[in-house]
Amino acid sequence: MTTIADFSMTRNDGTEQPLAELEGKVVVVVNTASSCGFTPQYEGLEQLYKQYGEQGLVVLGFPSDQFKQETGDDAAIAEFCQVNYGVTFPLSKKVAVNGKDAHPLFQWLRKEKGGILGDAIKWNFTKFLVGRDGAVVKRYAPTVEPKDMAADVERALAA
């Protein structure tokens, strides 16, 4: 069975992070953008990360320009997130989330939990909750605020 541990991410500083390092953790994976109406969700994602991090939650942000709302380079994205939203959770290098060039993690996430109209990511800030066993628990629409995921995060942490 494929799990999140079978993938890796290139962090925005260029270092490789095998996601196997997150085995036993609960993970929120989200595609992000700096110029989107949902960009303020960075603040809520950081709050989740701080509130539940010591219990085993990790948030992973994957900036993507597939919706033409993430035009900066990796350094500019990291600075924007830190300065404007105090983001301390890991960010990847900019990735594709749809199509043949989609990051393998997003290909798997989409296959595991499709959306209402197929598996494609429809917009920035689509979120996936991954349980301690590495399997996808739930997919959230961009309109779902991070605070509204708290009960599901708590259940996943308790499992």
N, C-alpha and C. Protein backbone atom coordinates (compact mmCIF):
# COMPACT_ATOMS: atom_id res chain seq x y z
N MET A 1 0.84 -1.18 0.00
CA MET A 1 0.00 0.00 0.00
C MET A 1 0.89 1.25 0.00
N THR A 2 0.60 2.17 -0.87
CA THR A 2 1.34 3.43 -0.94
C THR A 2 0.90 4.33 0.20
N THR A 3 1.86 5.00 0.83
CA THR A 3 1.57 5.98 1.88
C THR A 3 2.40 7.23 1.61
N ILE A 4 2.16 8.25 2.40
CA ILE A 4 2.92 9.50 2.25
C ILE A 4 4.42 9.26 2.41
N ALA A 5 4.80 8.22 3.15
CA ALA A 5 6.21 7.90 3.37
C ALA A 5 6.95 7.51 2.10
N ASP A 6 6.21 7.21 1.04
CA ASP A 6 6.82 6.81 -0.23
C ASP A 6 7.26 8.00 -1.08
N PHE A 7 7.05 9.21 -0.58
CA PHE A 7 7.34 10.41 -1.36
C PHE A 7 8.38 11.28 -0.66
N SER A 8 8.86 12.26 -1.39
CA SER A 8 9.76 13.24 -0.79
C SER A 8 9.37 14.61 -1.33
N MET A 9 9.90 15.64 -0.70
CA MET A 9 9.68 16.99 -1.20
C MET A 9 11.01 17.72 -1.21
N THR A 10 11.14 18.64 -2.15
CA THR A 10 12.29 19.52 -2.15
C THR A 10 11.86 20.80 -1.46
N ARG A 11 12.44 21.06 -0.30
CA ARG A 11 12.08 22.25 0.46
C ARG A 11 12.51 23.50 -0.31
N ASN A 12 11.92 24.63 0.07
CA ASN A 12 12.19 25.85 -0.69
C ASN A 12 13.63 26.32 -0.58
N ASP A 13 14.40 25.74 0.34
CA ASP A 13 15.83 26.07 0.41
C ASP A 13 16.67 25.09 -0.41
N GLY A 14 16.00 24.17 -1.12
CA GLY A 14 16.69 23.23 -2.01
C GLY A 14 17.03 21.89 -1.37
N THR A 15 16.83 21.72 -0.07
CA THR A 15 17.14 20.45 0.57
C THR A 15 16.01 19.45 0.33
N GLU A 16 16.40 18.19 0.21
CA GLU A 16 15.44 17.12 0.02
C GLU A 16 14.94 16.65 1.38
N GLN A 17 13.63 16.45 1.47
CA GLN A 17 13.06 15.91 2.70
C GLN A 17 12.27 14.66 2.36
N PRO A 18 12.79 13.48 2.73
CA PRO A 18 12.00 12.27 2.55
C PRO A 18 10.81 12.33 3.51
N LEU A 19 9.63 12.11 2.98
CA LEU A 19 8.44 12.19 3.84
C LEU A 19 8.32 10.98 4.76
N ALA A 20 9.18 9.98 4.55
CA ALA A 20 9.27 8.86 5.50
C ALA A 20 9.66 9.38 6.88
N GLU A 21 10.32 10.53 6.93
CA GLU A 21 10.69 11.14 8.21
C GLU A 21 9.45 11.52 9.03
N LEU A 22 8.28 11.56 8.36
CA LEU A 22 7.05 11.96 9.04
C LEU A 22 6.20 10.75 9.47
N GLU A 23 6.75 9.56 9.35
CA GLU A 23 5.99 8.37 9.76
C GLU A 23 5.52 8.53 11.19
N GLY A 24 4.26 8.19 11.43
CA GLY A 24 3.66 8.31 12.75
C GLY A 24 3.11 9.69 13.06
N LYS A 25 3.29 10.62 12.14
CA LYS A 25 2.76 11.98 12.31
C LYS A 25 1.44 12.11 11.55
N VAL A 26 0.65 13.11 11.93
CA VAL A 26 -0.52 13.51 11.16
C VAL A 26 -0.06 14.69 10.30
N VAL A 27 -0.41 14.67 9.02
CA VAL A 27 0.11 15.68 8.10
C VAL A 27 -1.04 16.37 7.36
N VAL A 28 -0.97 17.68 7.28
CA VAL A 28 -1.86 18.46 6.41
C VAL A 28 -1.00 18.90 5.23
N VAL A 29 -1.40 18.51 4.03
CA VAL A 29 -0.71 18.91 2.81
C VAL A 29 -1.62 19.90 2.10
N VAL A 30 -1.06 21.03 1.68
CA VAL A 30 -1.87 22.09 1.07
C VAL A 30 -1.10 22.74 -0.07
N ASN A 31 -1.79 22.97 -1.20
CA ASN A 31 -1.18 23.75 -2.27
C ASN A 31 -1.49 25.22 -2.00
N THR A 32 -0.47 26.05 -2.08
CA THR A 32 -0.59 27.44 -1.65
C THR A 32 -0.25 28.42 -2.77
N ALA A 33 -0.60 29.67 -2.53
CA ALA A 33 -0.26 30.76 -3.45
C ALA A 33 -0.30 32.07 -2.68
N SER A 34 0.57 33.00 -3.05
CA SER A 34 0.71 34.26 -2.33
C SER A 34 -0.26 35.35 -2.77
N SER A 35 -0.89 35.19 -3.94
CA SER A 35 -1.76 36.24 -4.47
C SER A 35 -3.16 35.73 -4.73
N CYS A 36 -3.70 35.02 -3.75
CA CYS A 36 -5.00 34.37 -3.88
C CYS A 36 -5.92 34.92 -2.80
N GLY A 37 -7.22 34.91 -3.06
CA GLY A 37 -8.17 35.33 -2.05
C GLY A 37 -8.11 34.47 -0.79
N PHE A 38 -7.58 33.25 -0.91
CA PHE A 38 -7.46 32.35 0.23
C PHE A 38 -6.10 32.44 0.93
N THR A 39 -5.21 33.30 0.44
CA THR A 39 -3.87 33.42 1.02
C THR A 39 -3.89 33.65 2.53
N PRO A 40 -4.85 34.41 3.09
CA PRO A 40 -4.87 34.57 4.55
C PRO A 40 -4.99 33.25 5.32
N GLN A 41 -5.33 32.15 4.63
CA GLN A 41 -5.37 30.86 5.30
C GLN A 41 -3.99 30.42 5.81
N TYR A 42 -2.93 31.04 5.29
CA TYR A 42 -1.60 30.76 5.83
C TYR A 42 -1.61 30.95 7.36
N GLU A 43 -2.29 31.99 7.81
CA GLU A 43 -2.34 32.28 9.24
C GLU A 43 -3.02 31.15 10.01
N GLY A 44 -4.14 30.66 9.50
CA GLY A 44 -4.84 29.55 10.15
C GLY A 44 -4.06 28.26 10.10
N LEU A 45 -3.35 28.01 9.00
CA LEU A 45 -2.52 26.82 8.90
C LEU A 45 -1.39 26.87 9.93
N GLU A 46 -0.79 28.05 10.08
CA GLU A 46 0.27 28.21 11.08
C GLU A 46 -0.29 28.00 12.48
N GLN A 47 -1.51 28.47 12.73
CA GLN A 47 -2.12 28.28 14.05
C GLN A 47 -2.34 26.79 14.34
N LEU A 48 -2.82 26.05 13.33
CA LEU A 48 -2.98 24.59 13.50
C LEU A 48 -1.63 23.95 13.83
N TYR A 49 -0.61 24.33 13.07
CA TYR A 49 0.73 23.78 13.24
C TYR A 49 1.24 24.04 14.65
N LYS A 50 1.06 25.26 15.14
CA LYS A 50 1.53 25.59 16.48
C LYS A 50 0.69 24.91 17.55
N GLN A 51 -0.61 24.86 17.36
CA GLN A 51 -1.50 24.29 18.36
C GLN A 51 -1.30 22.79 18.54
N TYR A 52 -1.11 22.08 17.43
CA TYR A 52 -1.07 20.62 17.47
C TYR A 52 0.30 20.01 17.15
N GLY A 53 1.28 20.85 16.87
CA GLY A 53 2.60 20.34 16.49
C GLY A 53 3.23 19.42 17.51
N GLU A 54 3.12 19.78 18.78
CA GLU A 54 3.73 18.94 19.81
C GLU A 54 3.02 17.61 19.97
N GLN A 55 1.78 17.53 19.47
CA GLN A 55 1.03 16.27 19.52
C GLN A 55 1.29 15.42 18.28
N GLY A 56 2.03 15.97 17.29
CA GLY A 56 2.39 15.18 16.12
C GLY A 56 1.85 15.68 14.80
N LEU A 57 1.35 16.92 14.75
CA LEU A 57 0.86 17.45 13.47
C LEU A 57 1.98 18.18 12.73
N VAL A 58 2.06 17.93 11.44
CA VAL A 58 2.95 18.66 10.54
C VAL A 58 2.11 19.23 9.41
N VAL A 59 2.35 20.49 9.08
CA VAL A 59 1.72 21.11 7.92
C VAL A 59 2.80 21.26 6.86
N LEU A 60 2.49 20.86 5.62
CA LEU A 60 3.41 21.01 4.50
C LEU A 60 2.75 21.88 3.44
N GLY A 61 3.37 23.01 3.14
CA GLY A 61 2.86 23.91 2.10
C GLY A 61 3.60 23.70 0.80
N PHE A 62 2.83 23.57 -0.28
CA PHE A 62 3.39 23.37 -1.61
C PHE A 62 2.95 24.52 -2.51
N PRO A 63 3.76 25.59 -2.60
CA PRO A 63 3.41 26.69 -3.49
C PRO A 63 3.28 26.20 -4.93
N SER A 64 2.27 26.73 -5.62
CA SER A 64 2.03 26.35 -7.01
C SER A 64 1.55 27.56 -7.80
N ASP A 65 2.05 27.69 -9.02
CA ASP A 65 1.61 28.78 -9.89
C ASP A 65 0.65 28.27 -10.96
N GLN A 66 0.06 27.10 -10.77
CA GLN A 66 -0.83 26.56 -11.80
C GLN A 66 -2.07 27.40 -12.00
N PHE A 67 -2.40 28.23 -11.02
CA PHE A 67 -3.57 29.10 -11.14
C PHE A 67 -3.15 30.56 -11.29
N LYS A 68 -1.88 30.74 -11.67
CA LYS A 68 -1.30 32.06 -11.99
C LYS A 68 -1.39 33.03 -10.80
N GLN A 69 -1.18 32.50 -9.58
CA GLN A 69 -1.24 33.34 -8.39
C GLN A 69 -0.02 33.17 -7.48
N GLU A 70 1.04 32.59 -8.04
CA GLU A 70 2.28 32.41 -7.28
C GLU A 70 3.45 32.68 -8.22
N THR A 71 3.71 33.95 -8.46
CA THR A 71 4.68 34.32 -9.49
C THR A 71 6.10 34.48 -8.97
N GLY A 72 6.29 34.59 -7.65
CA GLY A 72 7.63 34.80 -7.10
C GLY A 72 8.48 33.55 -7.17
N ASP A 73 9.79 33.75 -6.93
CA ASP A 73 10.67 32.59 -6.84
C ASP A 73 10.59 32.02 -5.41
N ASP A 74 11.27 30.90 -5.18
CA ASP A 74 11.14 30.21 -3.90
C ASP A 74 11.55 31.09 -2.71
N ALA A 75 12.61 31.86 -2.87
CA ALA A 75 13.07 32.73 -1.77
C ALA A 75 12.03 33.81 -1.47
N ALA A 76 11.46 34.40 -2.51
CA ALA A 76 10.45 35.45 -2.32
C ALA A 76 9.19 34.88 -1.66
N ILE A 77 8.81 33.68 -2.05
CA ILE A 77 7.64 33.03 -1.46
C ILE A 77 7.87 32.80 0.04
N ALA A 78 9.03 32.26 0.39
CA ALA A 78 9.34 31.99 1.80
C ALA A 78 9.33 33.28 2.60
N GLU A 79 9.92 34.34 2.05
CA GLU A 79 9.95 35.61 2.76
C GLU A 79 8.54 36.17 2.94
N PHE A 80 7.73 36.12 1.88
CA PHE A 80 6.35 36.60 1.95
C PHE A 80 5.58 35.88 3.05
N CYS A 81 5.70 34.56 3.09
CA CYS A 81 4.95 33.75 4.07
C CYS A 81 5.40 34.06 5.48
N GLN A 82 6.71 34.21 5.69
CA GLN A 82 7.21 34.47 7.03
C GLN A 82 6.85 35.89 7.48
N VAL A 83 7.08 36.87 6.62
CA VAL A 83 6.85 38.27 7.00
C VAL A 83 5.37 38.56 7.21
N ASN A 84 4.52 38.06 6.32
CA ASN A 84 3.10 38.41 6.37
C ASN A 84 2.26 37.51 7.27
N TYR A 85 2.67 36.25 7.43
CA TYR A 85 1.84 35.30 8.17
C TYR A 85 2.59 34.53 9.25
N GLY A 86 3.87 34.82 9.43
CA GLY A 86 4.65 34.14 10.47
C GLY A 86 4.81 32.65 10.24
N VAL A 87 4.78 32.23 8.98
CA VAL A 87 4.83 30.80 8.66
C VAL A 87 6.16 30.18 9.09
N THR A 88 6.06 29.11 9.88
CA THR A 88 7.24 28.35 10.28
C THR A 88 7.17 26.90 9.79
N PHE A 89 6.01 26.49 9.25
CA PHE A 89 5.91 25.11 8.76
C PHE A 89 6.66 24.99 7.44
N PRO A 90 7.08 23.77 7.08
CA PRO A 90 7.88 23.58 5.88
C PRO A 90 7.13 23.93 4.59
N LEU A 91 7.86 24.60 3.70
CA LEU A 91 7.36 24.92 2.36
C LEU A 91 8.25 24.22 1.34
N SER A 92 7.64 23.74 0.28
CA SER A 92 8.41 23.11 -0.79
C SER A 92 8.81 24.17 -1.82
N LYS A 93 9.65 23.74 -2.74
CA LYS A 93 9.87 24.55 -3.94
C LYS A 93 8.55 24.59 -4.68
N LYS A 94 8.38 25.56 -5.55
CA LYS A 94 7.15 25.68 -6.33
C LYS A 94 6.94 24.40 -7.16
N VAL A 95 5.71 23.88 -7.15
CA VAL A 95 5.40 22.63 -7.84
C VAL A 95 4.14 22.77 -8.68
N ALA A 96 3.95 21.81 -9.58
CA ALA A 96 2.68 21.65 -10.28
C ALA A 96 1.84 20.67 -9.45
N VAL A 97 0.53 20.88 -9.41
CA VAL A 97 -0.35 19.99 -8.65
C VAL A 97 -1.31 19.22 -9.57
N ASN A 98 -1.38 19.62 -10.81
CA ASN A 98 -2.23 18.96 -11.81
C ASN A 98 -1.40 18.64 -13.05
N GLY A 99 -1.93 17.74 -13.88
CA GLY A 99 -1.31 17.45 -15.16
C GLY A 99 -0.16 16.47 -15.06
N LYS A 100 0.47 16.25 -16.21
CA LYS A 100 1.54 15.25 -16.30
C LYS A 100 2.78 15.63 -15.49
N ASP A 101 2.97 16.93 -15.24
CA ASP A 101 4.13 17.38 -14.48
C ASP A 101 3.83 17.56 -12.99
N ALA A 102 2.65 17.13 -12.55
CA ALA A 102 2.28 17.29 -11.14
C ALA A 102 3.26 16.56 -10.24
N HIS A 103 3.55 17.15 -9.10
CA HIS A 103 4.40 16.51 -8.10
C HIS A 103 3.79 15.13 -7.80
N PRO A 104 4.63 14.10 -7.71
CA PRO A 104 4.10 12.75 -7.44
C PRO A 104 3.22 12.66 -6.20
N LEU A 105 3.52 13.44 -5.17
CA LEU A 105 2.68 13.43 -3.97
C LEU A 105 1.26 13.85 -4.31
N PHE A 106 1.13 14.91 -5.13
CA PHE A 106 -0.21 15.37 -5.49
C PHE A 106 -0.91 14.41 -6.45
N GLN A 107 -0.16 13.73 -7.29
CA GLN A 107 -0.79 12.70 -8.13
C GLN A 107 -1.43 11.64 -7.23
N TRP A 108 -0.70 11.23 -6.21
CA TRP A 108 -1.21 10.21 -5.28
C TRP A 108 -2.37 10.74 -4.44
N LEU A 109 -2.22 11.94 -3.87
CA LEU A 109 -3.29 12.51 -3.05
C LEU A 109 -4.59 12.62 -3.85
N ARG A 110 -4.49 13.10 -5.07
CA ARG A 110 -5.69 13.27 -5.91
C ARG A 110 -6.33 11.92 -6.21
N LYS A 111 -5.51 10.91 -6.45
CA LYS A 111 -6.05 9.57 -6.73
C LYS A 111 -6.73 9.00 -5.49
N GLU A 112 -6.15 9.23 -4.32
CA GLU A 112 -6.70 8.70 -3.07
C GLU A 112 -8.02 9.36 -2.68
N LYS A 113 -8.10 10.67 -2.86
CA LYS A 113 -9.31 11.42 -2.47
C LYS A 113 -9.63 12.41 -3.58
N GLY A 114 -10.46 11.98 -4.51
CA GLY A 114 -10.87 12.86 -5.60
C GLY A 114 -11.81 13.94 -5.10
N GLY A 115 -12.02 14.92 -5.92
CA GLY A 115 -12.93 16.00 -5.58
C GLY A 115 -14.33 15.70 -6.09
N ILE A 116 -15.19 16.69 -6.01
CA ILE A 116 -16.58 16.53 -6.43
C ILE A 116 -16.68 16.27 -7.93
N LEU A 117 -15.85 16.95 -8.71
CA LEU A 117 -15.89 16.84 -10.17
C LEU A 117 -14.59 16.24 -10.69
N GLY A 118 -14.23 15.06 -10.22
CA GLY A 118 -12.97 14.44 -10.64
C GLY A 118 -11.88 14.73 -9.64
N ASP A 119 -10.66 14.27 -9.95
CA ASP A 119 -9.61 14.37 -8.94
C ASP A 119 -8.74 15.62 -9.04
N ALA A 120 -8.87 16.41 -10.09
CA ALA A 120 -8.01 17.58 -10.27
C ALA A 120 -8.15 18.56 -9.11
N ILE A 121 -7.04 19.22 -8.80
CA ILE A 121 -7.07 20.31 -7.83
C ILE A 121 -7.71 21.49 -8.56
N LYS A 122 -8.80 22.01 -8.01
CA LYS A 122 -9.54 23.07 -8.69
C LYS A 122 -9.00 24.46 -8.38
N TRP A 123 -8.32 24.62 -7.22
CA TRP A 123 -7.86 25.96 -6.85
C TRP A 123 -6.83 25.84 -5.74
N ASN A 124 -6.19 26.96 -5.46
CA ASN A 124 -5.22 27.04 -4.37
C ASN A 124 -5.89 26.73 -3.03
N PHE A 125 -5.10 26.25 -2.10
CA PHE A 125 -5.52 25.96 -0.73
C PHE A 125 -6.50 24.79 -0.64
N THR A 126 -6.37 23.83 -1.59
CA THR A 126 -7.00 22.53 -1.40
C THR A 126 -6.12 21.81 -0.38
N LYS A 127 -6.76 21.22 0.61
CA LYS A 127 -6.03 20.63 1.72
C LYS A 127 -6.34 19.14 1.84
N PHE A 128 -5.32 18.37 2.23
CA PHE A 128 -5.46 16.94 2.45
C PHE A 128 -4.97 16.62 3.86
N LEU A 129 -5.74 15.82 4.59
CA LEU A 129 -5.35 15.36 5.91
C LEU A 129 -4.88 13.91 5.80
N VAL A 130 -3.67 13.67 6.26
CA VAL A 130 -3.07 12.33 6.21
C VAL A 130 -2.89 11.84 7.65
N GLY A 131 -3.36 10.63 7.92
CA GLY A 131 -3.29 10.07 9.27
C GLY A 131 -1.92 9.54 9.64
N ARG A 132 -1.80 9.13 10.89
CA ARG A 132 -0.53 8.61 11.40
C ARG A 132 -0.04 7.39 10.62
N ASP A 133 -0.98 6.66 10.01
CA ASP A 133 -0.61 5.48 9.22
C ASP A 133 -0.15 5.83 7.81
N GLY A 134 -0.14 7.13 7.47
CA GLY A 134 0.33 7.57 6.16
C GLY A 134 -0.73 7.56 5.09
N ALA A 135 -1.97 7.16 5.42
CA ALA A 135 -3.07 7.12 4.46
C ALA A 135 -3.85 8.44 4.49
N VAL A 136 -4.43 8.78 3.34
CA VAL A 136 -5.22 10.01 3.25
C VAL A 136 -6.55 9.81 3.96
N VAL A 137 -6.85 10.71 4.89
CA VAL A 137 -8.08 10.65 5.66
C VAL A 137 -9.18 11.45 4.97
N LYS A 138 -8.85 12.67 4.53
CA LYS A 138 -9.89 13.56 4.00
C LYS A 138 -9.28 14.62 3.11
N ARG A 139 -10.11 15.09 2.17
CA ARG A 139 -9.75 16.20 1.29
C ARG A 139 -10.69 17.36 1.62
N TYR A 140 -10.14 18.58 1.63
CA TYR A 140 -10.91 19.77 1.96
C TYR A 140 -10.86 20.76 0.80
N ALA A 141 -11.98 21.36 0.51
CA ALA A 141 -12.07 22.39 -0.53
C ALA A 141 -11.31 23.64 -0.08
N PRO A 142 -10.88 24.47 -1.03
CA PRO A 142 -10.18 25.70 -0.68
C PRO A 142 -10.98 26.61 0.26
N THR A 143 -12.28 26.54 0.22
CA THR A 143 -13.11 27.41 1.06
C THR A 143 -13.13 26.99 2.52
N VAL A 144 -12.68 25.77 2.83
CA VAL A 144 -12.67 25.30 4.21
C VAL A 144 -11.51 25.98 4.94
N GLU A 145 -11.83 26.69 6.00
CA GLU A 145 -10.82 27.37 6.80
C GLU A 145 -10.06 26.33 7.63
N PRO A 146 -8.77 26.55 7.85
CA PRO A 146 -8.01 25.60 8.67
C PRO A 146 -8.62 25.34 10.05
N LYS A 147 -9.18 26.36 10.70
CA LYS A 147 -9.79 26.16 12.03
C LYS A 147 -10.94 25.16 11.97
N ASP A 148 -11.59 25.05 10.81
CA ASP A 148 -12.70 24.13 10.65
C ASP A 148 -12.23 22.68 10.43
N MET A 149 -10.93 22.49 10.35
CA MET A 149 -10.34 21.16 10.24
C MET A 149 -9.92 20.62 11.61
N ALA A 150 -9.98 21.44 12.64
CA ALA A 150 -9.41 21.10 13.95
C ALA A 150 -9.98 19.80 14.52
N ALA A 151 -11.29 19.61 14.43
CA ALA A 151 -11.89 18.39 14.99
C ALA A 151 -11.35 17.15 14.28
N ASP A 152 -11.21 17.23 12.96
CA ASP A 152 -10.66 16.08 12.20
C ASP A 152 -9.19 15.86 12.55
N VAL A 153 -8.44 16.95 12.74
CA VAL A 153 -7.04 16.83 13.13
C VAL A 153 -6.94 16.16 14.50
N GLU A 154 -7.78 16.58 15.42
CA GLU A 154 -7.78 15.99 16.77
C GLU A 154 -8.09 14.50 16.73
N ARG A 155 -9.08 14.11 15.90
CA ARG A 155 -9.42 12.68 15.77
C ARG A 155 -8.23 11.90 15.20
N ALA A 156 -7.58 12.48 14.18
CA ALA A 156 -6.43 11.80 13.56
C ALA A 156 -5.27 11.68 14.56
N LEU A 157 -5.06 12.71 15.37
CA LEU A 157 -3.99 12.67 16.37
C LEU A 157 -4.28 11.62 17.45
N ALA A 158 -5.56 11.42 17.75
CA ALA A 158 -5.95 10.48 18.80
C ALA A 158 -5.93 9.03 18.30
N ALA A 159 -5.94 8.85 16.99
CA ALA A 159 -6.02 7.48 16.41
C ALA A 159 -4.71 6.73 16.57
